Amino acid sequence: MENESYLHELMKCVRCGSCKAYCPTYEEEITESMGARGRLVLLYELSMGHIKPSYRLIDRIFSCILCGACSGTCPLGIDIKEVIYHGRTLLKKPDVSRRLLRLIVKLYVQSPDLCFRLFKASQFLLPKRLNEKILPFPLELPESPFKSNRHVFKTSNNKKRGRIAVFTGCVINFLYPHLAESLTNVLQQLHYDVIFPAGEVCCGVPLRSLGLEDEAKRLAKRNLNIFKSLNVKAILSLCPTCTLALKVEYPKLIGEGIENIMDISSFFIDKLGYFHPLDNTLRFKEAVYHDPCHLSYGLGVTIEPREILKNIGLNLKEAEREGCCGFGGIFSLTFQELSGALLNKRTNDLKKTDAKTIITSCPGCFLQLSRNTENIPVLHLIEVIKEAI
């Protein structure tokens, strides 16, 4: 976002407060500066020179979880997330508390495989207490990242329906490669060749959340050049944050996005009839579905995953209200107490349904919810689809 557009967006705000209605951080700490309206006011006053950068101001702007719930409620259509992104870019220099984190994230972006090996080694070399202090959740890394193996998976069936590309994303690649394997398996059974393009890099959202806009632009341009040249039916992602970034945020960031990228439920909703009737041999018969914020608020996808689960034959229960799990990527590292409070609230709502299984469509939510659900298994939607067919 250019400075002129940024100031224009800030000046559009009439302080109506509609944006506070679904703000998870405001709901947790009912203080004006913890809601979207308060953050916009602070950034406006900063841009006018009425206030100066301070620890308190920086804390409030970076405490936004970037879920996107507020943008759809603004009657004037202010792109609140983009305003927050730009505000963080302006505040990155005085924000000394996240200086080391920025260096680590930039190092990861430059050498992800090296960072994977270093972190894996640290789990054996560093005391367990130190690892737990650095991260709010235990991480069990796989033996190797997913894309260290192959880049193209061909269907063995002669009735090939086309080619599908996959944007893997960092969490899938380095934490949950089995989910990429599941997606590949399902697509091959639907007679698609599956392509994992070489050269894919991080979608850039972790960098933008830390105010590193220029670095994020470089990654966006690289991903765009790789994926827009592919002759494929569609580009799928198991991560709504990556999908939202490439489809919706890239046009704002670099002027062009990837139009044919979509969430798996949007793609599979009219494809699984090939297996009809689905053989419901699942080890569970009922579940509750958790909506990832970037999928529901950002991409407007809520019905499709539920329809897929119902078609599989699950008794799908619903929580009394919507809610954010509190992950938010970098947010869960820098605001651990607030992230934990949001997690507790959400898991309590999900547990009240008495469902024996929790299903979601986001690897971040998958990671976060697994921290606080004890004996209730948490599954990604692709795992359920794979098991059902």
Protein backbone atom coordinates (compact mmCIF):
# COMPACT_ATOMS: atom_id res chain seq x y z
CA MET A 1 0.00 0.00 0.00
CA GLU A 2 1.35 3.41 -0.99
CA ASN A 3 1.44 6.19 1.60
CA GLU A 4 -1.21 8.19 -0.26
CA SER A 5 -3.64 5.26 -0.28
CA TYR A 6 -2.80 4.53 3.35
CA LEU A 7 -3.69 8.07 4.46
CA HIS A 8 -6.83 8.03 2.34
CA GLU A 9 -8.01 4.82 4.02
CA LEU A 10 -7.30 6.21 7.48
CA MET A 11 -9.21 9.43 6.73
CA LYS A 12 -12.26 7.46 5.52
CA CYS A 13 -12.88 6.04 9.01
CA VAL A 14 -15.86 7.74 10.70
CA ARG A 15 -15.31 5.90 14.01
CA CYS A 16 -18.62 4.01 13.80
CA GLY A 17 -17.18 0.98 15.61
CA SER A 18 -18.71 -1.70 13.37
CA CYS A 19 -15.27 -3.27 13.03
CA LYS A 20 -15.20 -4.15 16.72
CA ALA A 21 -18.12 -6.57 16.48
CA TYR A 22 -16.07 -9.64 15.56
CA CYS A 23 -12.58 -8.56 16.64
CA PRO A 24 -11.16 -11.43 18.73
CA THR A 25 -8.51 -9.34 20.50
CA TYR A 26 -11.07 -6.68 21.48
CA GLU A 27 -13.42 -9.35 22.77
CA GLU A 28 -10.62 -10.72 24.93
CA GLU A 29 -9.42 -7.33 26.24
CA ILE A 30 -12.26 -4.82 26.04
CA THR A 31 -10.05 -1.80 25.57
CA GLU A 32 -10.54 0.61 22.67
CA SER A 33 -6.96 0.29 21.47
CA MET A 34 -7.32 -3.51 21.24
CA GLY A 35 -10.00 -3.21 18.55
CA ALA A 36 -9.75 -2.32 14.88
CA ARG A 37 -11.21 1.19 15.32
CA GLY A 38 -8.75 2.01 18.09
CA ARG A 39 -5.82 0.81 15.99
CA LEU A 40 -6.96 2.94 13.04
CA VAL A 41 -7.22 6.00 15.29
CA LEU A 42 -3.73 5.41 16.65
CA LEU A 43 -2.27 5.08 13.15
CA TYR A 44 -4.10 8.22 12.02
CA GLU A 45 -2.76 10.22 14.95
CA LEU A 46 0.73 8.87 14.23
CA SER A 47 0.49 9.86 10.56
CA MET A 48 -0.64 13.36 11.53
CA GLY A 49 2.31 13.73 13.90
CA HIS A 50 0.09 14.05 16.96
CA ILE A 51 1.74 11.10 18.68
CA LYS A 52 5.15 9.47 18.37
CA PRO A 53 6.12 5.81 18.19
CA SER A 54 6.18 4.22 21.63
CA TYR A 55 6.27 0.75 23.10
CA ARG A 56 2.54 0.98 23.90
CA LEU A 57 1.61 2.12 20.41
CA ILE A 58 3.73 -0.57 18.74
CA ASP A 59 2.28 -3.22 21.03
CA ARG A 60 -1.27 -2.27 20.03
CA ILE A 61 -0.61 -2.27 16.28
CA PHE A 62 1.22 -5.60 16.38
CA SER A 63 -1.39 -7.20 18.66
CA CYS A 64 -3.83 -7.41 15.75
CA ILE A 65 -4.09 -11.10 14.80
CA LEU A 66 -4.83 -10.16 11.14
CA CYS A 67 -7.81 -12.51 10.99
CA GLY A 68 -9.71 -10.19 8.64
CA ALA A 69 -13.01 -10.35 10.52
CA CYS A 70 -13.23 -6.56 10.67
CA SER A 71 -12.79 -5.70 6.99
CA GLY A 72 -16.07 -7.21 5.90
CA THR A 73 -18.00 -5.24 8.54
CA CYS A 74 -16.74 -1.77 7.57
CA PRO A 75 -19.60 0.16 5.90
CA LEU A 76 -17.07 2.32 4.03
CA GLY A 77 -15.05 -0.65 2.80
CA ILE A 78 -11.79 0.30 4.48
CA ASP A 79 -9.21 -2.41 3.87
CA ILE A 80 -8.25 -2.62 7.53
CA LYS A 81 -5.77 -5.49 7.15
CA GLU A 82 -3.79 -3.64 4.49
CA VAL A 83 -3.77 -0.52 6.67
CA ILE A 84 -2.38 -2.55 9.58
CA TYR A 85 0.25 -4.11 7.32
CA HIS A 86 1.40 -0.67 6.20
CA GLY A 87 1.34 0.69 9.73
CA ARG A 88 3.66 -2.10 10.83
CA THR A 89 6.01 -1.28 7.97
CA LEU A 90 6.23 2.29 9.26
CA LEU A 91 6.83 1.07 12.82
CA LYS A 92 9.39 -1.67 12.14
CA LYS A 93 12.40 0.58 12.84
CA PRO A 94 11.34 1.71 16.34
CA ASP A 95 10.04 -1.79 17.12
CA VAL A 96 13.17 -3.18 18.78
CA SER A 97 11.37 -6.03 20.57
CA ARG A 98 10.89 -7.97 17.32
CA ARG A 99 14.27 -7.16 15.81
CA LEU A 100 15.71 -10.63 16.45
CA LEU A 101 12.54 -12.29 15.19
CA ARG A 102 12.81 -10.34 11.94
CA LEU A 103 16.37 -11.55 11.46
CA ILE A 104 15.30 -15.15 12.08
CA VAL A 105 12.38 -14.93 9.65
CA LYS A 106 14.58 -13.36 6.97
CA LEU A 107 17.16 -16.11 7.49
CA TYR A 108 14.45 -18.74 7.15
CA VAL A 109 13.16 -17.20 3.92
CA GLN A 110 16.67 -17.17 2.45
CA SER A 111 17.62 -20.69 3.59
CA PRO A 112 14.53 -22.69 4.69
CA ASP A 113 16.16 -26.12 4.37
CA LEU A 114 19.15 -25.03 6.45
CA CYS A 115 16.85 -23.62 9.13
CA PHE A 116 14.90 -26.87 9.14
CA ARG A 117 18.08 -28.85 9.80
CA LEU A 118 19.28 -26.42 12.48
CA PHE A 119 15.95 -26.50 14.30
CA LYS A 120 15.79 -30.27 14.09
CA ALA A 121 19.29 -30.46 15.60
CA SER A 122 18.31 -27.99 18.34
CA GLN A 123 15.60 -30.36 19.55
CA PHE A 124 18.34 -32.81 20.51
CA LEU A 125 21.07 -30.35 21.53
CA LEU A 126 19.11 -27.77 23.51
CA PRO A 127 17.41 -28.52 26.84
CA LYS A 128 13.70 -29.28 26.53
CA ARG A 129 12.82 -26.35 28.81
CA LEU A 130 14.59 -23.91 26.48
CA ASN A 131 12.72 -25.22 23.44
CA GLU A 132 9.44 -24.87 25.33
CA LYS A 133 10.32 -21.29 26.30
CA ILE A 134 11.01 -20.31 22.69
CA LEU A 135 7.86 -21.90 21.28
CA PRO A 136 4.40 -21.91 22.85
CA PHE A 137 3.74 -25.41 21.48
CA PRO A 138 5.77 -28.59 21.03
CA LEU A 139 6.86 -29.29 17.46
CA GLU A 140 7.70 -32.73 16.17
CA LEU A 141 9.51 -32.22 12.91
CA PRO A 142 9.28 -34.86 10.17
CA GLU A 143 12.36 -36.66 8.94
CA SER A 144 12.58 -34.41 5.89
CA PRO A 145 10.57 -31.65 4.21
CA PHE A 146 8.00 -32.80 1.69
CA LYS A 147 9.56 -31.26 -1.42
CA SER A 148 12.95 -32.84 -0.78
CA ASN A 149 11.61 -35.89 -2.62
CA ARG A 150 9.79 -35.38 -5.94
CA HIS A 151 8.13 -32.53 -7.81
CA VAL A 152 5.74 -34.36 -10.18
CA PHE A 153 3.34 -37.18 -9.35
CA LYS A 154 1.68 -38.80 -12.37
CA THR A 155 -1.61 -40.64 -12.25
CA SER A 156 -1.39 -44.26 -13.35
CA ASN A 157 -4.83 -44.18 -14.96
CA ASN A 158 -5.12 -43.74 -18.74
CA LYS A 159 -8.16 -41.47 -18.36
CA LYS A 160 -6.13 -38.50 -17.21
CA ARG A 161 -8.32 -35.47 -16.45
CA GLY A 162 -5.56 -32.89 -16.48
CA ARG A 163 -2.86 -31.42 -14.29
CA ILE A 164 -3.15 -29.77 -10.89
CA ALA A 165 -0.41 -27.66 -9.32
CA VAL A 166 -0.02 -27.38 -5.56
CA PHE A 167 1.29 -24.44 -3.57
CA THR A 168 2.68 -26.37 -0.62
CA GLY A 169 3.32 -23.59 1.89
CA CYS A 170 5.82 -23.58 4.73
CA VAL A 171 3.75 -25.32 7.42
CA ILE A 172 2.79 -28.21 5.14
CA ASN A 173 6.27 -28.53 3.70
CA PHE A 174 8.21 -28.49 6.96
CA LEU A 175 5.71 -29.67 9.61
CA TYR A 176 2.96 -31.73 8.00
CA PRO A 177 4.24 -33.34 4.78
CA HIS A 178 1.76 -36.18 5.26
CA LEU A 179 -1.03 -33.74 4.38
CA ALA A 180 0.61 -33.05 1.02
CA GLU A 181 0.88 -36.81 0.52
CA SER A 182 -2.84 -37.15 1.25
CA LEU A 183 -3.72 -34.43 -1.25
CA THR A 184 -1.53 -36.06 -3.88
CA ASN A 185 -3.20 -39.41 -3.28
CA VAL A 186 -6.73 -38.01 -3.62
CA LEU A 187 -5.88 -36.08 -6.79
CA GLN A 188 -4.29 -39.13 -8.37
CA GLN A 189 -7.38 -41.19 -7.59
CA LEU A 190 -9.35 -38.50 -9.41
CA HIS A 191 -6.95 -39.06 -12.36
CA TYR A 192 -5.00 -35.82 -12.16
CA ASP A 193 -1.26 -35.40 -12.53
CA VAL A 194 0.03 -33.42 -9.55
CA ILE A 195 2.77 -30.83 -9.87
CA PHE A 196 4.79 -29.30 -7.06
CA PRO A 197 6.76 -26.60 -8.91
CA ALA A 198 10.43 -26.21 -8.05
CA GLY A 199 11.41 -22.82 -6.68
CA GLU A 200 8.29 -22.08 -4.64
CA VAL A 201 9.03 -19.78 -1.70
CA CYS A 202 7.12 -18.59 1.36
CA CYS A 203 3.90 -16.73 0.53
CA GLY A 204 5.28 -13.71 2.40
CA VAL A 205 2.62 -13.33 5.09
CA PRO A 206 5.06 -13.85 8.02
CA LEU A 207 7.25 -11.10 6.59
CA ARG A 208 4.35 -8.70 6.09
CA SER A 209 3.10 -9.35 9.62
CA LEU A 210 6.50 -8.12 10.86
CA GLY A 211 6.48 -5.03 8.65
CA LEU A 212 8.95 -6.44 6.10
CA GLU A 213 7.01 -5.31 3.03
CA ASP A 214 9.89 -5.08 0.55
CA GLU A 215 11.08 -8.58 1.39
CA ALA A 216 7.53 -9.90 0.98
CA LYS A 217 7.26 -8.27 -2.46
CA ARG A 218 10.33 -10.14 -3.67
CA LEU A 219 8.83 -13.46 -2.61
CA ALA A 220 5.48 -12.59 -4.17
CA LYS A 221 7.07 -11.77 -7.54
CA ARG A 222 9.00 -15.04 -7.48
CA ASN A 223 5.92 -17.13 -6.72
CA LEU A 224 3.91 -15.27 -9.34
CA ASN A 225 6.50 -15.93 -12.05
CA ILE A 226 6.60 -19.64 -11.18
CA PHE A 227 2.88 -20.34 -10.97
CA LYS A 228 1.38 -18.07 -13.62
CA SER A 229 3.36 -19.85 -16.34
CA LEU A 230 1.92 -23.29 -15.52
CA ASN A 231 -0.61 -24.91 -17.82
CA VAL A 232 -2.83 -26.49 -15.18
CA LYS A 233 -6.53 -26.92 -14.41
CA ALA A 234 -6.12 -25.28 -11.03
CA ILE A 235 -3.64 -24.47 -8.28
CA LEU A 236 -4.57 -25.87 -4.87
CA SER A 237 -3.35 -25.06 -1.39
CA LEU A 238 -3.99 -26.77 1.92
CA CYS A 239 -3.38 -23.46 3.72
CA PRO A 240 -6.05 -20.71 3.52
CA THR A 241 -3.48 -18.08 4.50
CA CYS A 242 -1.34 -18.95 1.47
CA THR A 243 -4.42 -19.04 -0.78
CA LEU A 244 -5.60 -15.66 0.46
CA ALA A 245 -2.14 -14.15 0.01
CA LEU A 246 -1.63 -15.38 -3.56
CA LYS A 247 -5.18 -14.68 -4.74
CA VAL A 248 -6.28 -11.56 -2.85
CA GLU A 249 -3.26 -9.88 -1.28
CA TYR A 250 -0.70 -10.19 -4.10
CA PRO A 251 -2.68 -7.82 -6.38
CA LYS A 252 -2.49 -5.20 -3.63
CA LEU A 253 1.16 -5.95 -2.93
CA ILE A 254 2.64 -6.29 -6.44
CA GLY A 255 -0.26 -5.48 -8.75
CA GLU A 256 -1.04 -9.04 -9.85
CA GLY A 257 -2.20 -12.23 -8.19
CA ILE A 258 -2.76 -15.88 -9.05
CA GLU A 259 -6.38 -16.14 -10.14
CA ASN A 260 -6.77 -19.91 -10.35
CA ILE A 261 -5.53 -20.77 -6.87
CA MET A 262 -8.23 -22.13 -4.58
CA ASP A 263 -8.88 -23.93 -1.33
CA ILE A 264 -9.27 -27.69 -1.60
CA SER A 265 -12.92 -27.69 -0.51
CA SER A 266 -13.82 -25.28 -3.32
CA PHE A 267 -12.15 -27.63 -5.79
CA PHE A 268 -13.43 -30.95 -4.42
CA ILE A 269 -17.02 -29.89 -3.75
CA ASP A 270 -18.16 -31.01 -7.23
CA LYS A 271 -15.44 -33.61 -7.90
CA LEU A 272 -15.95 -36.26 -5.21
CA GLY A 273 -19.16 -37.46 -6.86
CA TYR A 274 -16.80 -39.59 -8.95
CA PHE A 275 -16.63 -41.89 -5.92
CA HIS A 276 -20.34 -41.72 -5.15
CA PRO A 277 -21.53 -43.20 -2.94
CA LEU A 278 -18.59 -42.48 -0.69
CA ASP A 279 -17.64 -45.46 1.41
CA ASN A 280 -18.05 -44.16 4.94
CA THR A 281 -15.65 -46.45 6.72
CA LEU A 282 -14.32 -43.62 8.86
CA ARG A 283 -13.29 -44.49 12.40
CA PHE A 284 -15.69 -41.79 13.65
CA LYS A 285 -19.27 -40.88 12.74
CA GLU A 286 -19.61 -37.35 14.09
CA ALA A 287 -17.44 -34.26 14.21
CA VAL A 288 -17.44 -30.48 14.62
CA TYR A 289 -15.94 -28.25 11.96
CA HIS A 290 -13.76 -25.24 12.87
CA ASP A 291 -13.73 -22.37 10.35
CA PRO A 292 -10.25 -20.93 9.74
CA CYS A 293 -10.44 -17.11 9.77
CA HIS A 294 -8.67 -16.59 6.44
CA LEU A 295 -10.90 -19.16 4.74
CA SER A 296 -14.20 -17.83 6.07
CA TYR A 297 -13.55 -14.08 6.39
CA GLY A 298 -10.94 -13.73 3.66
CA LEU A 299 -12.17 -16.16 0.97
CA GLY A 300 -15.81 -16.54 1.96
CA VAL A 301 -15.62 -20.34 2.04
CA THR A 302 -17.78 -21.86 4.78
CA ILE A 303 -20.43 -24.05 3.10
CA GLU A 304 -18.17 -26.20 0.89
CA PRO A 305 -16.20 -28.04 3.61
CA ARG A 306 -19.40 -28.75 5.52
CA GLU A 307 -21.13 -30.11 2.42
CA ILE A 308 -18.18 -32.41 1.73
CA LEU A 309 -18.25 -33.74 5.29
CA LYS A 310 -22.01 -34.28 5.19
CA ASN A 311 -21.75 -36.07 1.84
CA ILE A 312 -19.18 -38.38 3.39
CA GLY A 313 -21.87 -39.29 5.89
CA LEU A 314 -20.67 -37.52 9.01
CA ASN A 315 -23.03 -36.21 11.63
CA LEU A 316 -21.69 -32.67 11.65
CA LYS A 317 -22.22 -30.66 14.82
CA GLU A 318 -21.93 -26.88 15.09
CA ALA A 319 -20.42 -24.77 17.85
CA GLU A 320 -22.72 -22.10 19.31
CA ARG A 321 -20.62 -19.31 17.83
CA GLU A 322 -17.78 -18.62 15.45
CA GLY A 323 -14.36 -17.98 16.89
CA CYS A 324 -10.67 -17.55 16.20
CA CYS A 325 -8.32 -20.25 17.49
CA GLY A 326 -5.68 -17.62 18.33
CA PHE A 327 -2.88 -18.92 16.12
CA GLY A 328 -2.19 -16.10 13.70
CA GLY A 329 1.30 -17.34 12.81
CA ILE A 330 3.80 -14.86 14.27
CA PHE A 331 1.05 -13.64 16.64
CA SER A 332 1.18 -16.92 18.59
CA LEU A 333 4.89 -16.37 19.23
CA THR A 334 4.83 -12.70 20.23
CA PHE A 335 1.52 -12.62 22.13
CA GLN A 336 1.53 -16.05 23.73
CA GLU A 337 -0.78 -15.21 26.64
CA LEU A 338 -3.41 -13.62 24.39
CA SER A 339 -3.07 -16.44 21.88
CA GLY A 340 -3.59 -18.98 24.66
CA ALA A 341 -6.69 -17.17 25.95
CA LEU A 342 -8.26 -17.20 22.48
CA LEU A 343 -7.38 -20.87 22.12
CA ASN A 344 -9.02 -21.77 25.43
CA LYS A 345 -12.19 -19.91 24.49
CA ARG A 346 -12.41 -21.60 21.12
CA THR A 347 -11.69 -25.13 22.30
CA ASN A 348 -14.24 -24.75 25.09
CA ASP A 349 -16.87 -23.86 22.47
CA LEU A 350 -15.89 -26.85 20.33
CA LYS A 351 -15.86 -29.24 23.28
CA LYS A 352 -19.39 -28.17 24.29
CA THR A 353 -20.69 -29.88 21.15
CA ASP A 354 -19.55 -33.25 22.58
CA ALA A 355 -18.17 -34.12 19.14
CA LYS A 356 -15.53 -36.82 19.19
CA THR A 357 -13.44 -35.25 16.43
CA ILE A 358 -12.51 -31.70 15.36
CA ILE A 359 -11.97 -31.01 11.65
CA THR A 360 -10.47 -27.88 10.12
CA SER A 361 -9.02 -26.78 6.78
CA CYS A 362 -5.95 -24.89 7.97
CA PRO A 363 -2.60 -26.32 9.11
CA GLY A 364 -2.15 -23.38 11.50
CA CYS A 365 -5.50 -24.04 13.17
CA PHE A 366 -4.62 -27.75 13.11
CA LEU A 367 -1.42 -27.00 15.04
CA GLN A 368 -3.06 -24.61 17.49
CA LEU A 369 -6.16 -26.65 18.30
CA SER A 370 -4.08 -29.78 18.87
CA ARG A 371 -2.47 -28.04 21.85
CA ASN A 372 -5.64 -27.92 23.87
CA THR A 373 -7.95 -30.76 22.88
CA GLU A 374 -6.48 -33.56 24.98
CA ASN A 375 -8.00 -36.84 23.76
CA ILE A 376 -10.08 -35.29 20.98
CA PRO A 377 -8.32 -35.82 17.64
CA VAL A 378 -7.91 -32.84 15.30
CA LEU A 379 -7.87 -33.61 11.58
CA HIS A 380 -7.30 -31.61 8.42
CA LEU A 381 -10.11 -31.88 5.90
CA ILE A 382 -7.84 -33.59 3.35
CA GLU A 383 -7.19 -36.43 5.80
CA VAL A 384 -10.92 -37.07 6.11
CA ILE A 385 -11.42 -36.98 2.34
CA LYS A 386 -8.56 -39.41 1.79
CA GLU A 387 -9.90 -41.84 4.38
CA ALA A 388 -13.43 -41.63 2.98
CA ILE A 389 -12.45 -42.57 -0.57
